[in-house]
N, C-alpha and C. Protein backbone atom coordinates (compact mmCIF):
# COMPACT_ATOMS: atom_id res chain seq x y z
N MET A 1 28.87 -38.04 37.48
CA MET A 1 28.73 -37.98 36.03
C MET A 1 29.45 -36.77 35.48
N LYS A 2 30.13 -36.92 34.39
CA LYS A 2 30.79 -35.81 33.74
C LYS A 2 29.75 -35.05 32.92
N ILE A 3 29.58 -33.77 33.18
CA ILE A 3 28.59 -32.99 32.48
C ILE A 3 29.28 -31.86 31.73
N THR A 4 29.02 -31.77 30.45
CA THR A 4 29.54 -30.67 29.67
C THR A 4 28.43 -29.64 29.52
N GLU A 5 28.61 -28.47 30.11
CA GLU A 5 27.58 -27.44 30.10
C GLU A 5 27.90 -26.37 29.07
N PRO A 6 26.98 -26.08 28.15
CA PRO A 6 27.23 -25.03 27.17
C PRO A 6 27.57 -23.71 27.86
N LYS A 7 28.51 -22.99 27.31
CA LYS A 7 29.00 -21.77 27.95
C LYS A 7 27.89 -20.75 28.16
N SER A 8 26.97 -20.64 27.21
CA SER A 8 25.99 -19.59 27.29
C SER A 8 24.56 -20.06 27.46
N GLU A 9 24.35 -21.40 27.57
CA GLU A 9 22.99 -21.89 27.65
C GLU A 9 22.85 -22.87 28.80
N ALA A 10 22.68 -22.33 30.02
CA ALA A 10 22.52 -23.17 31.19
C ALA A 10 21.26 -24.01 31.11
N LEU A 11 20.29 -23.54 30.32
CA LEU A 11 19.04 -24.28 30.22
C LEU A 11 19.23 -25.63 29.53
N ASN A 12 20.34 -25.79 28.81
CA ASN A 12 20.60 -27.04 28.12
C ASN A 12 21.39 -28.02 28.97
N LYS A 13 21.47 -27.77 30.27
CA LYS A 13 22.24 -28.61 31.19
C LYS A 13 21.79 -30.07 31.11
N VAL A 14 22.76 -30.98 31.02
CA VAL A 14 22.47 -32.41 30.97
C VAL A 14 22.20 -32.90 32.38
N GLU A 15 21.11 -33.58 32.58
CA GLU A 15 20.77 -34.11 33.89
C GLU A 15 21.20 -35.56 34.01
N GLU A 16 21.73 -35.92 35.17
CA GLU A 16 22.06 -37.32 35.42
C GLU A 16 20.78 -38.12 35.50
N PRO A 17 20.71 -39.28 34.85
CA PRO A 17 19.47 -40.06 34.89
C PRO A 17 19.14 -40.49 36.31
N SER A 18 17.87 -40.54 36.60
CA SER A 18 17.42 -40.95 37.93
C SER A 18 17.72 -42.42 38.16
N THR A 19 18.08 -42.74 39.39
CA THR A 19 18.30 -44.16 39.72
C THR A 19 17.04 -44.76 40.35
N GLU A 20 15.96 -43.97 40.40
CA GLU A 20 14.68 -44.54 40.80
C GLU A 20 14.22 -45.48 39.69
N TYR A 21 13.13 -46.24 39.94
CA TYR A 21 12.75 -47.21 38.93
C TYR A 21 12.05 -46.54 37.76
N VAL A 22 12.88 -46.02 36.85
CA VAL A 22 12.45 -45.53 35.55
C VAL A 22 13.07 -46.48 34.54
N VAL A 23 12.31 -46.89 33.54
CA VAL A 23 12.82 -47.86 32.58
C VAL A 23 13.68 -47.15 31.53
N TYR A 24 14.97 -47.53 31.49
CA TYR A 24 15.90 -46.98 30.52
C TYR A 24 16.29 -48.06 29.52
N SER A 25 16.68 -47.62 28.33
CA SER A 25 17.10 -48.55 27.28
C SER A 25 18.58 -48.36 26.98
N TYR A 26 19.09 -49.22 26.12
CA TYR A 26 20.49 -49.09 25.69
C TYR A 26 20.70 -47.78 24.93
N ALA A 27 19.67 -47.31 24.24
CA ALA A 27 19.77 -46.01 23.56
C ALA A 27 20.04 -44.90 24.57
N ASP A 28 19.39 -44.95 25.73
CA ASP A 28 19.65 -43.98 26.80
C ASP A 28 21.07 -44.16 27.33
N TYR A 29 21.43 -45.40 27.57
CA TYR A 29 22.74 -45.75 28.13
C TYR A 29 23.88 -45.14 27.32
N LEU A 30 23.73 -45.13 26.01
CA LEU A 30 24.78 -44.62 25.13
C LEU A 30 24.99 -43.11 25.28
N THR A 31 24.04 -42.41 25.89
CA THR A 31 24.16 -40.96 26.03
C THR A 31 24.77 -40.55 27.37
N TRP A 32 24.98 -41.50 28.28
CA TRP A 32 25.45 -41.17 29.63
C TRP A 32 26.97 -41.15 29.70
N GLU A 33 27.50 -40.36 30.64
CA GLU A 33 28.94 -40.31 30.90
C GLU A 33 29.17 -40.30 32.40
N PHE A 34 29.05 -41.46 33.02
CA PHE A 34 29.30 -41.61 34.45
C PHE A 34 30.79 -41.79 34.70
N ASP A 35 31.25 -41.33 35.86
CA ASP A 35 32.63 -41.59 36.26
C ASP A 35 32.82 -43.05 36.64
N GLU A 36 31.79 -43.66 37.27
CA GLU A 36 31.88 -45.05 37.67
C GLU A 36 31.14 -45.94 36.66
N MET A 37 31.36 -47.24 36.76
CA MET A 37 30.70 -48.19 35.87
C MET A 37 29.22 -48.29 36.22
N VAL A 38 28.39 -48.32 35.20
CA VAL A 38 26.96 -48.55 35.42
C VAL A 38 26.52 -49.71 34.53
N GLU A 39 25.47 -50.38 34.97
CA GLU A 39 24.86 -51.45 34.19
C GLU A 39 23.35 -51.23 34.19
N LEU A 40 22.70 -51.76 33.18
CA LEU A 40 21.24 -51.74 33.10
C LEU A 40 20.74 -53.17 33.25
N ILE A 41 19.81 -53.38 34.16
CA ILE A 41 19.19 -54.69 34.30
C ILE A 41 17.69 -54.50 34.26
N LYS A 42 17.08 -54.96 33.18
CA LYS A 42 15.65 -54.81 32.95
C LYS A 42 15.21 -53.36 33.07
N GLY A 43 16.06 -52.46 32.52
CA GLY A 43 15.71 -51.06 32.46
C GLY A 43 16.06 -50.25 33.68
N LYS A 44 16.63 -50.87 34.70
CA LYS A 44 16.98 -50.17 35.94
C LYS A 44 18.49 -49.99 36.01
N ILE A 45 18.93 -48.79 36.46
CA ILE A 45 20.36 -48.49 36.57
C ILE A 45 20.94 -49.09 37.84
N PHE A 46 22.10 -49.75 37.68
CA PHE A 46 22.88 -50.23 38.81
C PHE A 46 24.27 -49.62 38.70
N LYS A 47 24.67 -48.86 39.72
CA LYS A 47 26.00 -48.27 39.74
C LYS A 47 26.96 -49.17 40.48
N SER A 48 28.23 -49.10 40.11
CA SER A 48 29.27 -49.82 40.83
C SER A 48 29.35 -49.31 42.25
N ALA A 49 29.56 -50.23 43.22
CA ALA A 49 29.60 -49.85 44.62
C ALA A 49 30.86 -49.08 44.97
N ALA A 50 31.90 -49.22 44.17
CA ALA A 50 33.17 -48.56 44.49
C ALA A 50 33.76 -47.96 43.22
N ALA A 51 34.67 -47.01 43.40
CA ALA A 51 35.31 -46.37 42.25
C ALA A 51 36.12 -47.36 41.43
N ALA A 52 36.72 -48.33 42.10
CA ALA A 52 37.51 -49.35 41.40
C ALA A 52 37.48 -50.63 42.22
N PRO A 53 37.56 -51.80 41.56
CA PRO A 53 37.58 -53.06 42.31
C PRO A 53 38.81 -53.14 43.21
N ARG A 54 38.69 -53.91 44.27
CA ARG A 54 39.82 -54.09 45.18
C ARG A 54 40.88 -54.99 44.56
N ARG A 55 42.07 -54.93 45.15
CA ARG A 55 43.22 -55.62 44.58
C ARG A 55 42.97 -57.12 44.42
N ILE A 56 42.41 -57.77 45.44
CA ILE A 56 42.23 -59.23 45.34
C ILE A 56 41.23 -59.58 44.24
N HIS A 57 40.22 -58.73 44.04
CA HIS A 57 39.27 -58.93 42.94
C HIS A 57 40.01 -58.92 41.61
N GLN A 58 40.87 -57.93 41.43
CA GLN A 58 41.61 -57.82 40.18
C GLN A 58 42.62 -58.94 40.01
N LYS A 59 43.22 -59.38 41.11
CA LYS A 59 44.19 -60.48 41.05
C LYS A 59 43.51 -61.77 40.59
N VAL A 60 42.38 -62.09 41.21
CA VAL A 60 41.64 -63.30 40.86
C VAL A 60 41.11 -63.22 39.43
N SER A 61 40.57 -62.05 39.07
CA SER A 61 40.06 -61.86 37.71
C SER A 61 41.18 -62.06 36.69
N GLY A 62 42.35 -61.49 36.96
CA GLY A 62 43.47 -61.64 36.05
C GLY A 62 43.93 -63.08 35.92
N ASN A 63 43.92 -63.82 37.03
CA ASN A 63 44.33 -65.24 36.99
C ASN A 63 43.39 -66.06 36.11
N ILE A 64 42.09 -65.84 36.28
CA ILE A 64 41.12 -66.60 35.49
C ILE A 64 41.17 -66.19 34.02
N PHE A 65 41.23 -64.87 33.79
CA PHE A 65 41.28 -64.39 32.41
C PHE A 65 42.50 -64.93 31.67
N THR A 66 43.65 -64.93 32.35
CA THR A 66 44.88 -65.41 31.71
C THR A 66 44.75 -66.87 31.31
N LYS A 67 44.20 -67.69 32.20
CA LYS A 67 44.03 -69.12 31.89
C LYS A 67 43.12 -69.31 30.68
N LEU A 68 42.02 -68.55 30.65
CA LEU A 68 41.10 -68.66 29.51
C LEU A 68 41.74 -68.14 28.22
N HIS A 69 42.44 -67.02 28.32
CA HIS A 69 43.07 -66.42 27.14
C HIS A 69 44.08 -67.38 26.51
N VAL A 70 44.91 -68.00 27.34
CA VAL A 70 45.92 -68.93 26.83
C VAL A 70 45.24 -70.17 26.23
N PHE A 71 44.23 -70.70 26.92
CA PHE A 71 43.56 -71.90 26.45
C PHE A 71 42.84 -71.65 25.11
N LEU A 72 42.26 -70.47 24.96
CA LEU A 72 41.43 -70.20 23.77
C LEU A 72 42.21 -69.70 22.56
N LYS A 73 43.52 -69.55 22.72
CA LYS A 73 44.33 -69.10 21.58
C LYS A 73 44.20 -70.10 20.44
N ASN A 74 43.91 -69.58 19.25
CA ASN A 74 43.72 -70.38 18.03
C ASN A 74 42.48 -71.27 18.10
N LYS A 75 41.56 -70.95 19.02
CA LYS A 75 40.27 -71.64 19.08
C LYS A 75 39.17 -70.66 18.69
N PRO A 76 37.99 -71.15 18.38
CA PRO A 76 36.94 -70.26 17.83
C PRO A 76 36.33 -69.29 18.84
N CYS A 77 36.57 -69.45 20.12
CA CYS A 77 35.96 -68.58 21.13
C CYS A 77 36.88 -67.42 21.49
N ASP A 78 36.27 -66.29 21.88
CA ASP A 78 37.01 -65.13 22.35
C ASP A 78 36.66 -64.86 23.81
N VAL A 79 37.63 -64.34 24.57
CA VAL A 79 37.39 -63.99 25.97
C VAL A 79 37.65 -62.50 26.15
N PHE A 80 36.79 -61.85 26.95
CA PHE A 80 36.89 -60.43 27.20
C PHE A 80 36.74 -60.16 28.69
N SER A 81 37.43 -59.13 29.17
CA SER A 81 37.28 -58.73 30.57
C SER A 81 36.65 -57.35 30.64
N ALA A 82 36.03 -57.04 31.77
CA ALA A 82 35.39 -55.75 31.97
C ALA A 82 36.43 -54.63 31.95
N PRO A 83 36.05 -53.46 31.46
CA PRO A 83 34.71 -53.08 30.98
C PRO A 83 34.45 -53.56 29.55
N PHE A 84 33.34 -54.26 29.39
CA PHE A 84 32.96 -54.82 28.10
C PHE A 84 31.45 -54.99 28.11
N ASP A 85 30.75 -54.24 27.25
CA ASP A 85 29.29 -54.26 27.27
C ASP A 85 28.72 -55.54 26.67
N VAL A 86 27.84 -56.18 27.43
CA VAL A 86 27.08 -57.32 26.94
C VAL A 86 25.61 -56.92 26.94
N ARG A 87 25.04 -56.82 25.75
CA ARG A 87 23.63 -56.47 25.62
C ARG A 87 22.80 -57.74 25.51
N LEU A 88 21.75 -57.80 26.28
CA LEU A 88 20.91 -59.01 26.31
C LEU A 88 19.50 -58.66 25.84
N PRO A 89 19.28 -58.69 24.52
CA PRO A 89 17.95 -58.35 23.99
C PRO A 89 16.94 -59.44 24.30
N VAL A 90 15.69 -59.04 24.38
CA VAL A 90 14.60 -60.00 24.61
C VAL A 90 13.84 -60.25 23.30
N LYS A 91 13.35 -59.17 22.68
CA LYS A 91 12.56 -59.33 21.45
C LYS A 91 13.22 -58.72 20.23
N SER A 92 13.92 -57.60 20.42
CA SER A 92 14.50 -56.87 19.30
C SER A 92 15.91 -56.44 19.64
N LYS A 93 16.78 -56.36 18.62
CA LYS A 93 18.15 -55.91 18.82
C LYS A 93 18.31 -54.42 18.61
N ARG A 94 17.22 -53.71 18.41
CA ARG A 94 17.27 -52.25 18.28
C ARG A 94 17.68 -51.66 19.63
N ASN A 95 18.52 -50.62 19.59
CA ASN A 95 19.03 -50.02 20.83
C ASN A 95 17.92 -49.62 21.79
N GLU A 96 16.86 -49.06 21.25
CA GLU A 96 15.77 -48.59 22.11
C GLU A 96 14.92 -49.73 22.68
N ASP A 97 15.15 -50.95 22.19
CA ASP A 97 14.38 -52.10 22.68
C ASP A 97 15.20 -53.02 23.58
N ILE A 98 16.45 -52.64 23.86
CA ILE A 98 17.31 -53.44 24.74
C ILE A 98 17.34 -52.77 26.11
N PHE A 99 17.00 -53.54 27.15
CA PHE A 99 16.87 -52.97 28.49
C PHE A 99 17.83 -53.58 29.51
N THR A 100 18.68 -54.49 29.03
CA THR A 100 19.70 -55.07 29.90
C THR A 100 21.06 -54.98 29.22
N VAL A 101 21.96 -54.26 29.88
CA VAL A 101 23.35 -54.11 29.41
C VAL A 101 24.25 -54.30 30.63
N VAL A 102 25.03 -55.37 30.63
CA VAL A 102 25.87 -55.69 31.79
C VAL A 102 27.34 -55.70 31.38
N GLN A 103 28.20 -55.62 32.38
CA GLN A 103 29.64 -55.68 32.15
C GLN A 103 30.21 -56.78 33.06
N PRO A 104 30.08 -58.03 32.62
CA PRO A 104 30.62 -59.13 33.43
C PRO A 104 32.13 -58.98 33.62
N ASP A 105 32.64 -59.53 34.71
CA ASP A 105 34.08 -59.50 34.91
C ASP A 105 34.81 -60.19 33.77
N ILE A 106 34.27 -61.34 33.34
CA ILE A 106 34.86 -62.09 32.22
C ILE A 106 33.73 -62.69 31.39
N SER A 107 33.85 -62.60 30.07
CA SER A 107 32.86 -63.19 29.15
C SER A 107 33.58 -63.99 28.09
N VAL A 108 33.03 -65.16 27.77
CA VAL A 108 33.54 -65.98 26.67
C VAL A 108 32.42 -66.11 25.63
N ILE A 109 32.74 -65.72 24.40
CA ILE A 109 31.76 -65.76 23.32
C ILE A 109 32.30 -66.64 22.20
N CYS A 110 31.55 -67.67 21.84
CA CYS A 110 31.99 -68.60 20.79
C CYS A 110 31.28 -68.35 19.46
N ASP A 111 30.15 -67.66 19.49
CA ASP A 111 29.45 -67.29 18.27
C ASP A 111 29.87 -65.86 17.92
N LYS A 112 30.83 -65.72 17.01
CA LYS A 112 31.41 -64.41 16.74
C LYS A 112 30.46 -63.48 16.00
N SER A 113 29.31 -63.99 15.53
CA SER A 113 28.31 -63.11 14.94
C SER A 113 27.68 -62.22 15.99
N LYS A 114 27.87 -62.56 17.26
CA LYS A 114 27.33 -61.74 18.35
C LYS A 114 28.24 -60.55 18.69
N LEU A 115 29.43 -60.51 18.12
CA LEU A 115 30.39 -59.46 18.43
C LEU A 115 30.30 -58.32 17.43
N ASP A 116 30.36 -57.09 17.95
CA ASP A 116 30.43 -55.91 17.09
C ASP A 116 31.31 -54.87 17.78
N ASP A 117 31.39 -53.68 17.23
CA ASP A 117 32.28 -52.66 17.77
C ASP A 117 31.87 -52.23 19.18
N LEU A 118 30.62 -52.43 19.54
CA LEU A 118 30.13 -51.99 20.85
C LEU A 118 30.27 -53.07 21.92
N GLY A 119 30.62 -54.28 21.53
CA GLY A 119 30.77 -55.36 22.50
C GLY A 119 30.10 -56.63 22.01
N CYS A 120 29.19 -57.15 22.83
CA CYS A 120 28.48 -58.40 22.51
C CYS A 120 26.99 -58.15 22.56
N ILE A 121 26.27 -58.65 21.57
CA ILE A 121 24.81 -58.57 21.59
C ILE A 121 24.27 -60.00 21.55
N GLY A 122 23.73 -60.43 22.64
CA GLY A 122 23.30 -61.82 22.81
C GLY A 122 24.06 -62.46 23.95
N ALA A 123 23.65 -63.64 24.33
CA ALA A 123 24.21 -64.31 25.50
C ALA A 123 25.60 -64.89 25.23
N PRO A 124 26.60 -64.53 26.05
CA PRO A 124 27.88 -65.25 25.99
C PRO A 124 27.68 -66.71 26.37
N ASP A 125 28.65 -67.54 26.01
CA ASP A 125 28.59 -68.94 26.41
C ASP A 125 28.91 -69.09 27.89
N LEU A 126 29.91 -68.35 28.35
CA LEU A 126 30.36 -68.43 29.74
C LEU A 126 30.54 -67.03 30.29
N ILE A 127 30.02 -66.82 31.50
CA ILE A 127 30.22 -65.55 32.20
C ILE A 127 30.80 -65.84 33.58
N VAL A 128 31.80 -65.06 33.97
CA VAL A 128 32.40 -65.16 35.29
C VAL A 128 32.17 -63.84 36.01
N GLU A 129 31.57 -63.89 37.20
CA GLU A 129 31.41 -62.71 38.04
C GLU A 129 32.16 -62.95 39.35
N ILE A 130 32.95 -61.97 39.75
CA ILE A 130 33.75 -62.08 40.97
C ILE A 130 33.13 -61.15 42.02
N LEU A 131 32.67 -61.73 43.11
CA LEU A 131 31.97 -60.95 44.11
C LEU A 131 32.91 -60.05 44.89
N SER A 132 32.37 -58.90 45.30
CA SER A 132 33.12 -57.96 46.12
C SER A 132 32.61 -58.03 47.55
N LEU A 133 33.32 -57.38 48.45
CA LEU A 133 32.84 -57.29 49.82
C LEU A 133 31.58 -56.44 49.85
N GLY A 134 30.63 -56.81 50.72
CA GLY A 134 29.43 -56.01 50.84
C GLY A 134 28.25 -56.62 50.11
N ASN A 135 27.40 -55.77 49.54
CA ASN A 135 26.15 -56.20 48.94
C ASN A 135 26.37 -56.77 47.55
N ASN A 136 26.09 -58.06 47.39
CA ASN A 136 26.25 -58.73 46.10
C ASN A 136 24.92 -59.18 45.52
N SER A 137 23.85 -58.52 45.94
CA SER A 137 22.53 -58.97 45.49
C SER A 137 22.37 -58.85 43.98
N LYS A 138 23.08 -57.88 43.36
CA LYS A 138 22.97 -57.73 41.91
C LYS A 138 23.45 -58.99 41.20
N GLU A 139 24.61 -59.53 41.61
CA GLU A 139 25.14 -60.73 40.98
C GLU A 139 24.34 -61.97 41.37
N LEU A 140 23.93 -62.05 42.62
CA LEU A 140 23.32 -63.28 43.12
C LEU A 140 21.84 -63.39 42.79
N ARG A 141 21.18 -62.27 42.51
CA ARG A 141 19.75 -62.33 42.20
C ARG A 141 19.46 -61.77 40.82
N ASP A 142 19.78 -60.50 40.61
CA ASP A 142 19.37 -59.83 39.37
C ASP A 142 20.10 -60.39 38.15
N LYS A 143 21.42 -60.51 38.24
CA LYS A 143 22.16 -61.04 37.10
C LYS A 143 21.86 -62.52 36.89
N TYR A 144 21.73 -63.26 37.97
CA TYR A 144 21.36 -64.68 37.86
C TYR A 144 20.12 -64.81 36.98
N GLU A 145 19.12 -63.99 37.24
CA GLU A 145 17.85 -64.09 36.51
C GLU A 145 18.03 -63.77 35.03
N VAL A 146 18.71 -62.65 34.72
CA VAL A 146 18.83 -62.29 33.30
C VAL A 146 19.77 -63.22 32.56
N TYR A 147 20.80 -63.75 33.23
CA TYR A 147 21.68 -64.71 32.57
C TYR A 147 20.93 -66.00 32.26
N GLU A 148 20.13 -66.45 33.20
CA GLU A 148 19.34 -67.67 32.97
C GLU A 148 18.32 -67.44 31.87
N GLU A 149 17.60 -66.33 31.92
CA GLU A 149 16.55 -66.04 30.94
C GLU A 149 17.12 -65.86 29.53
N SER A 150 18.32 -65.29 29.43
CA SER A 150 18.89 -65.00 28.11
C SER A 150 19.68 -66.17 27.53
N GLY A 151 19.90 -67.22 28.33
CA GLY A 151 20.53 -68.42 27.79
C GLY A 151 22.03 -68.50 27.93
N VAL A 152 22.62 -67.82 28.94
CA VAL A 152 24.06 -67.98 29.22
C VAL A 152 24.28 -69.41 29.71
N LYS A 153 25.10 -70.17 28.98
CA LYS A 153 25.21 -71.61 29.26
C LYS A 153 25.84 -71.91 30.62
N GLU A 154 26.85 -71.12 31.00
CA GLU A 154 27.49 -71.29 32.30
C GLU A 154 27.71 -69.94 32.96
N TYR A 155 27.40 -69.88 34.24
CA TYR A 155 27.58 -68.68 35.03
C TYR A 155 28.42 -69.06 36.24
N TRP A 156 29.66 -68.56 36.25
CA TRP A 156 30.58 -68.86 37.35
C TRP A 156 30.58 -67.70 38.35
N VAL A 157 30.32 -68.01 39.60
CA VAL A 157 30.35 -67.01 40.67
C VAL A 157 31.56 -67.30 41.55
N VAL A 158 32.46 -66.33 41.62
CA VAL A 158 33.70 -66.51 42.38
C VAL A 158 33.62 -65.68 43.67
N LEU A 159 33.93 -66.32 44.78
CA LEU A 159 33.97 -65.67 46.09
C LEU A 159 35.44 -65.56 46.49
N PRO A 160 36.11 -64.46 46.14
CA PRO A 160 37.57 -64.39 46.32
C PRO A 160 38.02 -64.40 47.77
N TYR A 161 37.19 -63.89 48.67
CA TYR A 161 37.60 -63.82 50.07
C TYR A 161 37.34 -65.14 50.80
N GLU A 162 36.53 -66.01 50.19
CA GLU A 162 36.31 -67.35 50.74
C GLU A 162 37.07 -68.41 49.96
N TRP A 163 37.81 -67.98 48.91
CA TRP A 163 38.57 -68.87 48.04
C TRP A 163 37.66 -69.96 47.49
N ALA A 164 36.52 -69.56 46.96
CA ALA A 164 35.52 -70.53 46.52
C ALA A 164 34.92 -70.12 45.18
N LEU A 165 34.32 -71.11 44.51
CA LEU A 165 33.71 -70.89 43.20
C LEU A 165 32.50 -71.80 43.07
N LEU A 166 31.42 -71.23 42.51
CA LEU A 166 30.17 -71.97 42.27
C LEU A 166 29.84 -71.85 40.80
N ILE A 167 29.46 -72.95 40.18
CA ILE A 167 29.12 -72.96 38.76
C ILE A 167 27.63 -73.25 38.59
N TYR A 168 26.94 -72.36 37.87
CA TYR A 168 25.56 -72.62 37.46
C TYR A 168 25.57 -73.05 36.00
N THR A 169 25.03 -74.22 35.73
CA THR A 169 24.98 -74.76 34.37
C THR A 169 23.53 -74.76 33.89
N LEU A 170 23.32 -74.22 32.68
CA LEU A 170 21.97 -74.13 32.13
C LEU A 170 21.55 -75.49 31.58
N ILE A 171 20.50 -76.05 32.16
CA ILE A 171 19.96 -77.33 31.72
C ILE A 171 18.45 -77.18 31.55
N ASP A 172 17.98 -77.38 30.32
CA ASP A 172 16.56 -77.23 30.00
C ASP A 172 16.03 -75.87 30.45
N GLY A 173 16.84 -74.84 30.21
CA GLY A 173 16.39 -73.48 30.49
C GLY A 173 16.49 -73.02 31.93
N LYS A 174 17.00 -73.88 32.82
CA LYS A 174 17.12 -73.52 34.23
C LYS A 174 18.54 -73.80 34.72
N TYR A 175 19.02 -72.96 35.64
CA TYR A 175 20.35 -73.16 36.18
C TYR A 175 20.36 -74.25 37.24
N VAL A 176 21.36 -75.11 37.12
CA VAL A 176 21.60 -76.16 38.11
C VAL A 176 22.95 -75.86 38.77
N PRO A 177 22.98 -75.68 40.10
CA PRO A 177 24.24 -75.32 40.76
C PRO A 177 25.15 -76.52 40.98
N SER A 178 26.44 -76.26 40.96
CA SER A 178 27.44 -77.27 41.31
C SER A 178 27.59 -77.30 42.82
N LYS A 179 28.47 -78.15 43.30
CA LYS A 179 28.90 -78.03 44.68
C LYS A 179 29.78 -76.78 44.78
N LEU A 180 30.11 -76.37 45.99
CA LEU A 180 30.99 -75.23 46.17
C LEU A 180 32.43 -75.72 46.07
N PHE A 181 33.15 -75.25 45.05
CA PHE A 181 34.55 -75.64 44.85
C PHE A 181 35.46 -74.70 45.63
N THR A 182 36.62 -75.21 46.05
CA THR A 182 37.57 -74.38 46.78
C THR A 182 38.99 -74.82 46.45
N VAL A 183 39.98 -74.24 47.15
CA VAL A 183 41.37 -74.59 46.88
C VAL A 183 41.55 -76.10 46.98
N GLY A 184 42.37 -76.64 46.10
CA GLY A 184 42.55 -78.09 46.03
C GLY A 184 41.69 -78.73 44.97
N ASP A 185 40.68 -77.99 44.46
CA ASP A 185 39.79 -78.51 43.42
C ASP A 185 40.23 -78.05 42.04
N ILE A 186 39.94 -78.87 41.05
CA ILE A 186 40.09 -78.48 39.64
C ILE A 186 38.71 -78.50 39.03
N VAL A 187 38.26 -77.35 38.52
CA VAL A 187 36.92 -77.26 37.95
C VAL A 187 37.02 -77.36 36.43
N GLU A 188 35.95 -77.83 35.83
CA GLU A 188 35.93 -78.05 34.39
C GLU A 188 34.68 -77.44 33.79
N SER A 189 34.85 -76.76 32.68
CA SER A 189 33.71 -76.17 31.98
C SER A 189 33.03 -77.21 31.12
N LYS A 190 31.69 -77.17 31.11
CA LYS A 190 30.95 -78.07 30.23
C LYS A 190 30.70 -77.43 28.87
N CYS A 191 30.76 -76.10 28.80
CA CYS A 191 30.48 -75.45 27.51
C CYS A 191 31.75 -75.06 26.76
N ILE A 192 32.89 -74.94 27.45
CA ILE A 192 34.17 -74.68 26.79
C ILE A 192 34.96 -75.99 26.87
N SER A 193 34.79 -76.80 25.86
CA SER A 193 35.31 -78.17 25.89
C SER A 193 36.81 -78.20 26.17
N GLY A 194 37.18 -78.98 27.20
CA GLY A 194 38.58 -79.17 27.53
C GLY A 194 39.16 -78.18 28.52
N PHE A 195 38.41 -77.13 28.85
CA PHE A 195 38.96 -76.11 29.75
C PHE A 195 38.81 -76.54 31.21
N LYS A 196 39.96 -76.60 31.89
CA LYS A 196 39.99 -76.92 33.31
C LYS A 196 40.73 -75.82 34.06
N LEU A 197 40.31 -75.58 35.29
CA LEU A 197 40.88 -74.49 36.08
C LEU A 197 41.27 -75.01 37.45
N ASP A 198 42.55 -74.92 37.76
CA ASP A 198 43.08 -75.32 39.06
C ASP A 198 42.89 -74.15 40.03
N LEU A 199 42.06 -74.32 41.04
CA LEU A 199 41.77 -73.21 41.94
C LEU A 199 42.96 -72.84 42.82
N ASP A 200 43.92 -73.73 42.95
CA ASP A 200 45.16 -73.36 43.65
C ASP A 200 45.87 -72.23 42.90
N GLU A 201 45.73 -72.23 41.57
CA GLU A 201 46.37 -71.19 40.76
C GLU A 201 45.53 -69.92 40.69
N VAL A 202 44.22 -70.05 40.91
CA VAL A 202 43.35 -68.88 40.94
C VAL A 202 43.54 -68.09 42.22
N PHE A 203 43.54 -68.82 43.35
CA PHE A 203 43.69 -68.19 44.66
C PHE A 203 45.12 -68.36 45.15
N ASP A 204 46.07 -67.92 44.32
CA ASP A 204 47.48 -68.14 44.64
C ASP A 204 48.03 -67.13 45.63
N GLU A 205 47.20 -66.13 45.98
CA GLU A 205 47.66 -65.14 46.96
C GLU A 205 46.50 -64.83 47.90
N PRO A 206 46.04 -65.81 48.69
CA PRO A 206 44.87 -65.59 49.55
C PRO A 206 45.15 -64.53 50.59
N ASP A 207 44.13 -63.64 50.80
CA ASP A 207 44.24 -62.59 51.81
C ASP A 207 43.36 -62.93 53.01
């Protein structure tokens, strides 16, 4: 964390927030200055596992983002890539009452009333998360839960090292998984009408 210490008042030193289970809000989040990306999920801090995503993660993310960006040109939906704050309020949109703030790899928002200078407040229509090597429990368990609870219509989980993609579609408030798609498949979004993605073009440089 970057800490600015007053020249003459060491007692005013800014402390890095504890990563133990202390409940933090978006109001707290706005005061932090971490070197790495952090997210809040139900009031708990989650730090990025690495200083920067690996090359294949960025390659796959760029391929998907480009396809969405081109498709959505002159359409009512907007697409954003991380870092981009998505706040998921439960009862109130006040900063001190929001306890989940995530930075999905890719977000598509069709209700532009949810967009403001700070990012998005409310559930995007489509979220894409690209898994990294190692522990992915945050995406597979914690984010799955808050995306389902907050009403994200589609949650795409991309496994770049397995050249695979899984789509969770929200039906009657619960996620229903697709089959596991891989190279040779063309996937289609149910919430972004007409959008299709050729996975041969997503995984065009398999490692």
